[in-house]
Amino acid sequence: MLHKFEIPKEIYKELLKIVEDKSIKANKTLIGNIREEYSLNKHMKYFENFILSKIGESDFLVNYLNNLKIFDPNPQKLVLSSMWVNYQKKYEFNPVHTHGGVFSFIMFVKIPFTIEEEKNKSPGIESIRNLSGHLSFLYIDPNAVGQIGLHDIPVDKTWEETGFIFKSSLNHMVYPFFSEGERITVSGNISFDNKELNKR
């Protein structure tokens, strides 16, 4: 369902540079309840080959792509079609949503807390399910008819320089956190190349 990957040092250094580009606001194209969201489309070419290579590392994603059965007789080219950065601050959140395209990714650039620090600051400190600051994926549970499964990931400082790639249709959300600082993530979508499709 999800493929986790490491971000090489040279890619991570470039991410640290491009997230400073706040020239194009992206809020009106995104669902996030986050004040600072910026388009990074002008920087996509540098990252495209790296991101596309992550698909081939996952049998699940490769099988999903093959099962779409749209490659015969004409192969379809995948491209990085959009990319943006979120500067999430405390109390902000990303509600349940999906993405466009075929695959999507999240790269964790900076996380301002450890999960233990965040748990202690959360109003849910005594809850049996304290999900403050978590990233959550939702799916139909094959083992329980009609039930929604949740895959909760306690993303904190230890996740910096890593990322996920997944099917764009997979519902996911980011819960608010209560620590000071900014959670900086770069996300994007991978789609079929419309220019190639239009040639046919």
Protein backbone atom coordinates (compact mmCIF):
# COMPACT_ATOMS: atom_id res chain seq x y z
CA MET A 1 0.00 0.00 0.00
CA LEU A 2 2.80 2.42 0.95
CA HIS A 3 6.41 2.41 -0.11
CA LYS A 4 8.80 4.16 2.27
CA PHE A 5 12.10 5.41 0.87
CA GLU A 6 15.24 7.19 2.02
CA ILE A 7 16.09 10.60 0.53
CA PRO A 8 19.74 10.73 -0.59
CA LYS A 9 21.86 13.57 0.83
CA GLU A 10 22.14 15.44 -2.48
CA ILE A 11 18.36 15.30 -3.04
CA TYR A 12 17.71 16.41 0.54
CA LYS A 13 20.11 19.37 0.17
CA GLU A 14 18.22 20.48 -2.92
CA LEU A 15 14.90 20.12 -1.07
CA LEU A 16 16.19 22.42 1.67
CA LYS A 17 16.91 25.03 -1.00
CA ILE A 18 13.69 24.86 -2.99
CA VAL A 19 11.35 24.93 0.01
CA GLU A 20 12.53 28.52 0.48
CA ASP A 21 10.76 29.41 -2.78
CA LYS A 22 7.53 31.05 -1.59
CA SER A 23 6.84 32.93 -4.81
CA ILE A 24 3.66 31.07 -5.86
CA LYS A 25 0.88 30.40 -3.35
CA ALA A 26 -0.83 27.02 -3.81
CA ASN A 27 -3.66 27.24 -1.26
CA LYS A 28 -6.44 27.58 -3.83
CA THR A 29 -5.46 24.28 -5.46
CA LEU A 30 -5.03 22.30 -2.21
CA ILE A 31 -7.38 21.10 0.52
CA GLY A 32 -5.06 21.74 3.46
CA ASN A 33 -6.19 23.92 6.35
CA ILE A 34 -2.67 25.34 6.29
CA ARG A 35 -1.77 29.01 5.77
CA GLU A 36 1.54 28.47 3.97
CA GLU A 37 1.39 26.20 0.93
CA TYR A 38 3.50 26.99 -2.15
CA SER A 39 3.85 25.55 -5.64
CA LEU A 40 7.22 24.00 -6.51
CA ASN A 41 6.30 23.10 -10.09
CA LYS A 42 9.21 25.10 -11.50
CA HIS A 43 11.62 22.77 -9.65
CA MET A 44 10.10 19.43 -10.73
CA LYS A 45 12.63 18.43 -13.41
CA TYR A 46 15.46 18.02 -10.91
CA PHE A 47 13.43 15.53 -8.82
CA GLU A 48 11.47 13.68 -11.52
CA ASN A 49 13.84 10.76 -12.19
CA PHE A 50 14.40 10.19 -8.47
CA ILE A 51 10.67 10.13 -7.68
CA LEU A 52 9.78 7.92 -10.66
CA SER A 53 12.49 5.43 -9.66
CA LYS A 54 10.70 4.84 -6.35
CA ILE A 55 7.73 3.21 -8.12
CA GLY A 56 9.93 0.39 -9.42
CA GLU A 57 11.11 -0.42 -5.89
CA SER A 58 7.61 -1.48 -4.82
CA ASP A 59 6.05 -4.72 -6.11
CA PHE A 60 2.67 -3.45 -4.94
CA LEU A 61 2.90 -0.24 -6.99
CA VAL A 62 4.32 -2.00 -10.05
CA ASN A 63 1.53 -4.61 -9.95
CA TYR A 64 -1.08 -1.88 -9.55
CA LEU A 65 0.31 -0.11 -12.62
CA ASN A 66 0.39 -3.31 -14.68
CA ASN A 67 -3.17 -4.16 -13.68
CA LEU A 68 -4.42 -0.88 -15.15
CA LYS A 69 -3.98 -2.66 -18.52
CA ILE A 70 -3.49 0.52 -20.52
CA PHE A 71 0.05 -0.14 -21.69
CA ASP A 72 -0.79 -2.50 -24.56
CA PRO A 73 -0.46 -1.79 -27.42
CA ASN A 74 0.83 1.72 -26.62
CA PRO A 75 3.16 2.33 -23.67
CA GLN A 76 2.22 5.26 -21.45
CA LYS A 77 4.86 7.56 -20.00
CA LEU A 78 4.67 8.66 -16.38
CA VAL A 79 5.80 12.16 -15.41
CA LEU A 80 5.98 14.27 -12.28
CA SER A 81 2.93 16.50 -12.85
CA SER A 82 2.81 18.70 -9.73
CA MET A 83 4.81 19.45 -6.59
CA TRP A 84 4.29 21.73 -3.60
CA VAL A 85 5.52 22.45 -0.09
CA ASN A 86 3.44 22.67 3.09
CA TYR A 87 4.58 24.69 6.09
CA GLN A 88 2.25 23.25 8.72
CA LYS A 89 2.17 24.99 12.09
CA LYS A 90 0.47 24.00 15.34
CA TYR A 91 -3.33 23.62 15.16
CA GLU A 92 -3.23 23.41 11.34
CA PHE A 93 -4.20 20.16 9.62
CA ASN A 94 -4.86 18.36 6.35
CA PRO A 95 -8.37 16.82 6.27
CA VAL A 96 -9.14 13.48 4.62
CA HIS A 97 -8.37 13.73 0.91
CA THR A 98 -7.02 11.99 -2.17
CA HIS A 99 -4.77 13.32 -4.93
CA GLY A 100 -4.97 13.49 -8.71
CA GLY A 101 -2.82 11.40 -11.02
CA VAL A 102 -1.74 7.79 -10.63
CA PHE A 103 0.74 7.98 -7.72
CA SER A 104 1.51 10.58 -5.06
CA PHE A 105 4.39 11.12 -2.68
CA ILE A 106 5.29 12.89 0.55
CA MET A 107 8.87 13.79 1.51
CA PHE A 108 9.55 14.81 5.11
CA VAL A 109 11.92 17.77 5.19
CA LYS A 110 11.59 19.10 8.77
CA ILE A 111 9.49 17.89 11.71
CA PRO A 112 9.65 20.09 14.85
CA PHE A 113 8.95 17.43 17.50
CA THR A 114 9.55 13.90 18.70
CA ILE A 115 6.39 11.85 19.05
CA GLU A 116 6.84 11.67 22.85
CA GLU A 117 7.10 15.48 23.08
CA GLU A 118 4.00 15.82 20.97
CA LYS A 119 1.99 13.26 22.94
CA ASN A 120 2.69 15.19 26.14
CA LYS A 121 1.49 18.48 24.62
CA SER A 122 -1.64 17.02 23.05
CA PRO A 123 -5.09 17.55 24.61
CA GLY A 124 -5.47 13.81 24.05
CA ILE A 125 -2.64 12.97 26.46
CA GLU A 126 -4.90 10.57 28.39
CA SER A 127 -6.73 9.22 25.36
CA ILE A 128 -6.40 5.55 24.36
CA ARG A 129 -5.62 6.84 20.86
CA ASN A 130 -3.54 10.00 20.95
CA LEU A 131 -2.97 10.79 17.26
CA SER A 132 -1.64 14.31 17.57
CA GLY A 133 0.77 14.98 14.68
CA HIS A 134 0.16 11.59 13.03
CA LEU A 135 -0.20 10.90 9.33
CA SER A 136 -3.13 8.54 8.72
CA PHE A 137 -4.08 6.45 5.66
CA LEU A 138 -7.62 5.13 5.28
CA TYR A 139 -8.63 2.04 3.27
CA ILE A 140 -11.37 -0.56 2.97
CA ASP A 141 -10.48 -3.32 5.43
CA PRO A 142 -10.53 -6.65 3.54
CA ASN A 143 -10.88 -8.54 6.83
CA ALA A 144 -13.97 -6.69 8.08
CA VAL A 145 -16.83 -6.21 5.63
CA GLY A 146 -17.88 -2.58 5.33
CA GLN A 147 -15.23 -1.35 7.76
CA ILE A 148 -12.66 1.37 7.20
CA GLY A 149 -9.10 0.48 8.15
CA LEU A 150 -6.69 3.09 9.48
CA HIS A 151 -2.94 2.97 9.12
CA ASP A 152 -1.60 5.59 11.56
CA ILE A 153 2.03 6.69 11.30
CA PRO A 154 3.65 8.66 14.15
CA VAL A 155 5.74 10.94 11.95
CA ASP A 156 8.31 12.90 13.96
CA LYS A 157 11.94 14.13 13.73
CA THR A 158 13.15 10.59 13.04
CA TRP A 159 11.29 10.67 9.69
CA GLU A 160 13.27 13.58 8.26
CA GLU A 161 15.07 12.63 5.03
CA THR A 162 12.50 9.91 4.26
CA GLY A 163 9.36 9.75 2.15
CA PHE A 164 6.35 7.70 1.04
CA ILE A 165 4.97 6.95 -2.40
CA PHE A 166 1.44 5.55 -2.77
CA LYS A 167 -1.62 5.31 -5.03
CA SER A 168 -3.12 8.77 -5.51
CA SER A 169 -6.60 7.40 -4.78
CA LEU A 170 -5.60 6.37 -1.25
CA ASN A 171 -7.38 8.56 1.30
CA HIS A 172 -5.10 10.15 3.87
CA MET A 173 -4.98 12.95 6.41
CA VAL A 174 -2.60 14.78 8.75
CA TYR A 175 -3.78 15.49 12.28
CA PRO A 176 -2.96 18.82 13.94
CA PHE A 177 -0.03 19.04 16.31
CA PHE A 178 0.52 21.22 19.38
CA SER A 179 4.27 21.81 19.45
CA GLU A 180 5.98 25.02 18.34
CA GLY A 181 7.70 25.15 14.97
CA GLU A 182 6.92 24.13 11.39
CA ARG A 183 6.37 20.73 9.82
CA ILE A 184 7.82 21.11 6.32
CA THR A 185 6.83 18.51 3.75
CA VAL A 186 7.13 18.36 -0.02
CA SER A 187 4.38 16.49 -1.84
CA GLY A 188 3.47 15.86 -5.44
CA ASN A 189 1.64 13.79 -8.02
CA ILE A 190 2.73 11.47 -10.81
CA SER A 191 0.49 11.29 -13.89
CA PHE A 192 0.45 9.96 -17.41
CA ASP A 193 2.08 12.39 -19.84
CA ASN A 194 -0.78 14.29 -21.51
CA LYS A 195 1.51 15.52 -24.28
CA GLU A 196 2.22 11.93 -25.30
CA LEU A 197 -1.45 10.98 -25.10
CA ASN A 198 -2.48 13.94 -27.26
CA LYS A 199 -0.16 12.81 -30.05
CA ARG A 200 -2.25 9.71 -30.68
